[in-house]
Every structure is written in C-alpha cells, then in structure tokens.
Protein backbone atom coordinates (compact mmCIF):
# COMPACT_ATOMS: atom_id res chain seq x y z
CA MET A 1 -98.52 193.32 68.62
CA ARG A 2 -95.57 194.59 66.60
CA TRP A 3 -93.64 192.33 64.25
CA PRO A 4 -89.95 193.24 63.72
CA ASN A 5 -88.75 193.02 60.13
CA TRP A 6 -86.15 190.37 60.87
CA PHE A 7 -88.84 188.17 62.41
CA ARG A 8 -91.37 188.11 59.61
CA GLU A 9 -88.77 187.83 56.85
CA LYS A 10 -87.49 184.56 58.29
CA ASN A 11 -90.77 182.82 59.05
CA SER A 12 -94.34 182.20 58.01
CA LEU A 13 -97.40 181.89 60.21
CA ILE A 14 -100.24 179.37 60.11
CA LEU A 15 -103.33 180.72 61.87
CA GLU A 16 -105.67 177.88 62.81
CA TYR A 17 -109.33 178.27 63.81
CA ASP A 18 -112.24 175.93 64.41
CA HIS A 19 -115.71 176.64 65.80
CA LEU A 20 -116.18 180.41 65.78
CA GLU A 21 -118.69 181.65 68.32
CA GLU A 22 -120.39 184.94 67.52
CA SER A 23 -118.62 186.64 70.44
CA LEU A 24 -115.21 185.78 68.92
CA VAL A 25 -115.79 187.16 65.42
CA GLY A 26 -114.30 190.53 66.39
CA THR A 27 -111.16 188.86 67.77
CA PHE A 28 -110.82 186.79 64.60
CA GLN A 29 -111.09 189.89 62.43
CA GLU A 30 -108.56 191.79 64.55
CA GLN A 31 -106.04 188.95 64.33
CA VAL A 32 -106.41 188.67 60.57
CA GLU A 33 -106.00 192.42 60.12
CA GLU A 34 -102.95 192.52 62.43
CA VAL A 35 -101.15 189.70 60.62
CA GLY A 36 -102.15 191.14 57.24
CA ARG A 37 -100.27 194.37 57.98
CA TYR A 38 -96.97 192.52 57.97
CA TYR A 39 -97.47 189.20 56.14
CA LYS A 40 -98.82 188.28 52.74
CA PHE A 41 -101.69 185.80 52.96
CA VAL A 42 -101.27 182.71 50.80
CA GLY A 43 -102.73 179.23 50.53
CA LEU A 44 -101.22 176.69 52.91
CA SER A 45 -99.72 174.66 50.07
CA GLU A 46 -97.62 177.70 49.08
CA ILE A 47 -95.88 177.69 52.47
CA GLY A 48 -95.06 174.02 51.97
CA THR A 49 -93.68 174.75 48.51
CA SER A 50 -91.53 177.60 49.87
CA LEU A 51 -90.00 175.25 52.44
CA GLN A 52 -89.40 172.58 49.83
CA ASN A 53 -87.67 175.02 47.48
CA LYS A 54 -85.90 176.96 50.25
CA LYS A 55 -87.55 180.21 49.14
CA ASN A 56 -88.17 183.29 51.27
CA LEU A 57 -91.01 183.05 53.75
CA GLY A 58 -92.81 186.13 55.14
CA THR A 59 -96.25 184.68 54.36
CA ALA A 60 -99.26 183.62 56.43
CA ALA A 61 -102.00 181.04 55.88
CA ILE A 62 -105.43 180.83 57.50
CA VAL A 63 -106.70 177.30 58.06
CA PHE A 64 -109.88 175.88 59.57
CA ARG A 65 -109.73 172.52 61.30
CA ASN A 66 -113.27 171.67 60.20
CA PRO A 67 -115.84 173.13 57.77
CA ARG A 68 -118.29 173.97 60.57
CA LYS A 69 -121.41 176.00 59.91
CA SER A 70 -120.02 178.75 62.17
CA VAL A 71 -116.90 178.99 60.02
CA LEU A 72 -118.83 179.39 56.76
CA LEU A 73 -121.30 181.81 58.33
CA ARG A 74 -119.00 184.02 60.42
CA ALA A 75 -115.40 183.72 59.19
CA VAL A 76 -115.32 182.80 55.51
CA PRO A 77 -117.41 185.80 54.31
CA LEU A 78 -114.93 188.18 55.98
CA LEU A 79 -112.05 186.51 54.13
CA ILE A 80 -113.88 186.48 50.81
CA ASP A 81 -114.62 190.21 51.13
CA LYS A 82 -110.89 190.87 51.57
CA LYS A 83 -109.90 188.27 48.95
CA ILE A 84 -107.82 186.39 51.54
CA PRO A 85 -107.12 182.73 50.70
CA PHE A 86 -107.93 180.06 53.26
CA THR A 87 -107.79 176.31 53.76
CA LEU A 88 -110.64 174.06 54.88
CA PHE A 89 -109.80 170.61 56.21
CA LEU A 90 -112.51 168.08 55.41
CA ARG A 91 -113.72 164.92 57.04
CA ALA A 92 -116.28 163.57 54.60
CA ASP A 93 -118.26 161.39 57.00
CA CYS A 94 -119.39 164.48 58.96
CA VAL A 95 -120.09 166.96 56.15
CA GLY A 96 -123.77 167.81 55.87
CA LEU A 97 -124.79 165.54 58.74
CA ASN A 98 -125.80 166.08 62.35
CA ARG A 99 -122.81 164.17 63.60
CA LEU A 100 -119.38 165.07 64.90
CA PRO A 101 -116.06 163.18 64.79
CA PRO A 102 -116.23 160.29 67.29
CA GLU A 103 -113.77 161.83 69.75
CA GLU A 104 -115.89 164.99 69.86
CA GLU A 105 -119.08 163.02 70.35
CA LEU A 106 -117.50 161.15 73.26
CA ASP A 107 -116.48 164.46 74.81
CA TRP A 108 -120.02 165.88 74.56
CA ILE A 109 -121.58 162.69 75.91
CA GLU A 110 -119.25 162.73 78.93
CA ARG A 111 -119.93 166.43 79.58
CA ASN A 112 -123.63 165.73 79.87
CA SER A 113 -123.58 162.35 81.62
CA PRO A 114 -123.23 161.77 85.36
CA LYS A 115 -120.84 158.97 84.47
CA LYS A 116 -117.48 158.96 82.69
CA LEU A 117 -115.68 156.20 80.82
CA GLU A 118 -112.97 154.50 82.81
CA PRO A 119 -109.52 155.66 81.61
CA GLU A 120 -108.73 152.28 80.06
CA LYS A 121 -112.06 152.15 78.21
CA ARG A 122 -111.57 155.71 77.00
CA SER A 123 -108.10 154.90 75.71
CA ASN A 124 -109.38 151.76 73.98
CA PHE A 125 -112.18 153.75 72.36
CA LEU A 126 -109.78 156.35 70.94
CA LYS A 127 -107.29 153.69 69.79
CA GLY A 128 -110.08 151.71 68.16
CA CYS A 129 -111.30 154.75 66.19
CA TRP A 130 -107.72 155.53 65.10
CA GLU A 131 -106.81 151.99 64.09
CA ASN A 132 -110.06 151.16 62.29
CA PRO A 133 -112.37 154.08 61.42
CA LEU A 134 -115.06 151.69 60.19
CA LYS A 135 -115.53 150.53 63.78
CA ALA A 136 -116.20 154.04 65.11
CA ASP A 137 -120.01 153.74 64.91
CA GLU A 138 -119.89 150.36 66.63
CA LEU A 139 -117.68 151.77 69.40
CA LEU A 140 -119.97 154.79 69.82
CA LYS A 141 -122.97 152.49 70.28
CA VAL A 142 -121.19 150.90 73.22
CA VAL A 143 -120.44 154.33 74.69
CA ARG A 144 -124.06 155.47 74.28
CA SER A 145 -125.38 152.32 75.94
CA GLU A 146 -123.15 153.00 78.95
CA LEU A 147 -123.30 156.81 79.25
CA GLY A 148 -126.36 157.86 77.26
CA PRO A 149 -126.93 159.49 73.84
CA MET A 150 -125.21 162.54 72.48
CA PRO A 151 -127.20 165.57 73.71
CA ILE A 152 -127.88 167.08 70.27
CA GLU A 153 -130.49 169.45 71.70
CA LYS A 154 -127.83 171.04 73.94
CA LEU A 155 -125.28 171.61 71.19
CA ASP A 156 -124.85 174.82 69.27
CA PRO A 157 -126.15 173.93 65.77
CA MET A 158 -123.22 175.92 64.37
CA LEU A 159 -120.86 173.19 65.65
CA PHE A 160 -122.00 170.80 62.96
CA PHE A 161 -120.35 170.71 59.55
CA SER A 162 -121.67 172.58 56.55
CA THR A 163 -123.15 170.87 53.49
CA TRP A 164 -121.37 169.89 50.31
CA GLY A 165 -123.56 172.35 48.44
CA LYS A 166 -122.29 175.27 50.53
CA LEU A 167 -118.69 174.13 50.11
CA VAL A 168 -118.98 173.89 46.33
CA GLU A 169 -120.26 177.48 46.21
CA LEU A 170 -117.03 178.87 47.75
CA PRO A 171 -114.73 180.79 45.37
CA GLN A 172 -112.32 178.17 44.11
CA GLU A 173 -109.56 180.74 43.57
CA LEU A 174 -109.44 181.40 47.33
CA VAL A 175 -110.03 178.01 48.93
CA THR A 176 -107.49 175.22 49.35
CA TRP A 177 -108.96 171.85 50.27
CA GLY A 178 -107.31 169.80 52.95
CA ILE A 179 -108.02 166.43 54.50
CA THR A 180 -108.01 165.42 58.16
CA LEU A 181 -105.71 162.47 58.87
CA TYR A 182 -107.94 160.62 61.32
CA THR A 183 -106.32 157.19 61.06
CA ALA A 184 -102.91 155.52 60.90
CA PRO A 185 -100.82 155.33 57.69
CA ASP A 186 -101.31 151.56 57.45
CA GLN A 187 -105.04 152.26 57.14
CA SER A 188 -104.57 154.96 54.50
CA GLN A 189 -106.92 153.19 52.07
CA TYR A 190 -109.76 154.88 53.98
CA LEU A 191 -108.22 158.26 53.22
CA GLU A 192 -107.42 157.39 49.61
CA ASP A 193 -111.08 156.52 49.06
CA GLU A 194 -112.13 159.71 50.85
CA ILE A 195 -109.84 161.84 48.68
CA LEU A 196 -111.49 160.41 45.56
CA PHE A 197 -114.92 161.09 47.07
CA ILE A 198 -113.99 164.70 47.94
CA ARG A 199 -112.58 165.28 44.47
CA ARG A 200 -115.79 164.04 42.92
CA LEU A 201 -117.92 166.40 45.04
CA VAL A 202 -115.88 169.63 45.09
CA GLY A 203 -114.01 169.24 41.80
CA ARG A 204 -110.48 169.16 43.23
CA ALA A 205 -108.55 166.75 45.42
CA PRO A 206 -107.23 167.88 48.82
CA GLU A 207 -103.72 169.34 48.54
CA VAL A 208 -102.70 169.38 52.21
CA GLY A 209 -103.22 167.31 55.34
CA LYS A 210 -103.82 167.97 59.01
CA LEU A 211 -103.26 165.55 61.87
CA GLY A 212 -106.65 164.94 63.45
CA SER A 213 -107.34 165.49 67.13
CA LEU A 214 -107.08 161.75 67.77
CA SER A 215 -103.34 161.99 67.12
CA SER A 216 -102.87 164.55 69.90
CA LEU A 217 -105.21 162.71 72.29
CA LEU A 218 -103.20 159.54 71.73
CA LYS A 219 -99.91 161.52 71.74
CA ILE A 220 -99.10 160.34 68.22
CA ASN A 221 -96.89 162.91 66.48
CA LYS A 222 -94.51 161.20 64.10
CA MET A 223 -96.47 158.24 62.70
CA TRP A 224 -97.29 160.02 59.44
CA HIS A 225 -94.14 160.64 57.41
CA GLU A 226 -93.14 161.91 54.01
CA ALA A 227 -93.62 158.62 52.16
CA SER A 228 -97.13 158.00 53.46
CA LEU A 229 -98.20 161.62 52.93
CA SER A 230 -96.76 161.72 49.42
CA ARG A 231 -98.70 158.56 48.62
CA LEU A 232 -101.86 160.59 49.25
CA ALA A 233 -100.56 163.25 46.79
CA LEU A 234 -100.40 165.86 49.57
CA SER A 235 -97.88 168.70 49.44
CA ALA A 236 -97.71 169.56 53.16
CA CYS A 237 -99.14 168.61 56.53
CA VAL A 238 -100.01 170.55 59.70
CA GLY A 239 -98.90 168.67 62.81
CA ASN A 240 -99.19 169.24 66.54
CA LEU A 241 -96.31 171.71 66.95
CA ASP A 242 -96.71 175.31 68.13
CA GLY A 243 -94.85 178.33 66.78
CA ALA A 244 -93.86 180.04 63.55
CA VAL A 245 -92.79 178.18 60.41
CA THR A 246 -89.07 178.52 59.67
CA HIS A 247 -86.70 176.75 57.31
CA SER A 248 -85.83 174.40 60.17
CA ASN A 249 -89.34 172.94 59.95
CA SER A 250 -90.41 170.09 57.73
CA ARG A 251 -93.32 170.73 55.38
CA TRP A 252 -94.68 167.40 56.64
CA ASP A 253 -94.97 168.61 60.24
CA LEU A 254 -95.90 172.29 60.13
CA PRO A 255 -96.46 174.22 63.39
CA VAL A 256 -99.43 176.45 64.19
CA TRP A 257 -99.06 180.01 65.46
CA HIS A 258 -101.01 180.92 68.59
CA PHE A 259 -101.58 184.51 69.70
CA SER A 260 -100.53 185.23 73.26
CA THR A 261 -103.40 186.21 75.51
C-alpha cells in the first residue's frame, strides 16, 4: 500500500488489534512496518491532544482492545524491540483470571451449546450487563443453567488476559494505559473505582478510553460524551467509527483504521 503525502499529512491512524493468533504475527509485523514508513508512531493520547490543539497530524497509534496473553507474548515484544509506543485498554475484573468479559463468555457458550438464547433474552442479558456491571455474574449464572458452562477446555489459553505482574513489567515510557468503557455514564462510579484500582496496581491512571464491545452490540454510539469522559480524567476516547483520524473528528469519538483485504 502506498500513502500519498497529502493523505498522511492531513490525518492520523489508529491501528487496533485484539487476540493475536500465531499465524497472524507476520501480518501484524508487516502492517506496523508499512505504516511506520510514512507515519510517526505516538501514544494514543498524543493524537487526542493534536486534535484538541488543532496541530498537524501525520501520526499513528497502536492500540490493543484487551491485554490478552497473546498480545503480551506475540505483539508487545516486537513493539518494544522497535521502541514503538502502544496503548493497552484494561478491564480489571478479567486481568489475571480465567474469565472473559460477559459478552465474550456468552458468545463462547453459544458456540458450543446445541441451544441459543432467544433474541429477547440475549438482548436483556447484554442490556443488564451494560446497565449494572455488578449483575453480570448473576446473569451469567442464568445463562449457564440454560445453555451449559463456558467450555474453558476448548478455548485458546492465549485468549485470557495477562496478569498484573506482567503488565507492571512493561516499559512505562512506551505504554499508555486505557480503560474499557463497559457501562453507561450514569454508572460511571464503577469505572471511577476501577481507575483508582488500576492506578494503585500499575502506578499510573488510564489516560484514554475505549467503548467496549457491549456498546456496538447494543448499537450505543453517542451515550458517552465529553463531560462524562472528562469526569474520568480521560483525554480521548476510541469509538465505533471506521477510518482515518482527521480534524473533523472529535477526540471523544476517534475512528479506527482497518486495512483493506
């Protein structure tokens, strides 16, 4: 792919990755090298600051939706070797545990069960997790009783999140911490408490946010806004938009760049 000068000077790119299977490591490395020929890699918060201050763009940020074991094993070492900054979005209740976010667990249960939740029950489950995260375990118990347990033995162990110890060992000059927005703004006390918890464990508070997958499943795009994000002391937020970042974008609803296949 060739990037014309006029294109990269007027935009920035956010490259988003999640679980990285071993077969995709080469593709990941090729994409990073290709973008690096034309864009300067920066932390995600720097792109938000450039938009806020109307400064030139021409930068790129690498972000990971979750701190999965596959990410820390297969992707992060490549970035550290090249001294490329990156952002890890955290969801504290899954770090270091053999559990996944509730919407992912539901997906895996349904894949391996002869039965599926009725559409209305599925919608109520997702809404319940979004509106009150503390009820997620209770809602999952109902799902398991109806469809069966999560098939942990069938999952790639690399899907699960890394430990706090591994996260703390990452070079602090390269990593930006982010937080997944997995609930509604009126329930932001959960996230405020989580931000304090993350700060206590990794030494710094999250600087940026990312709309969780529940928001896209429920088709919620605009519920989080500047006031509620600023209350969490975040400087920018990745939303559900696709494309390059330009000065027409808000730093509170940043798009993600996807390579054409």
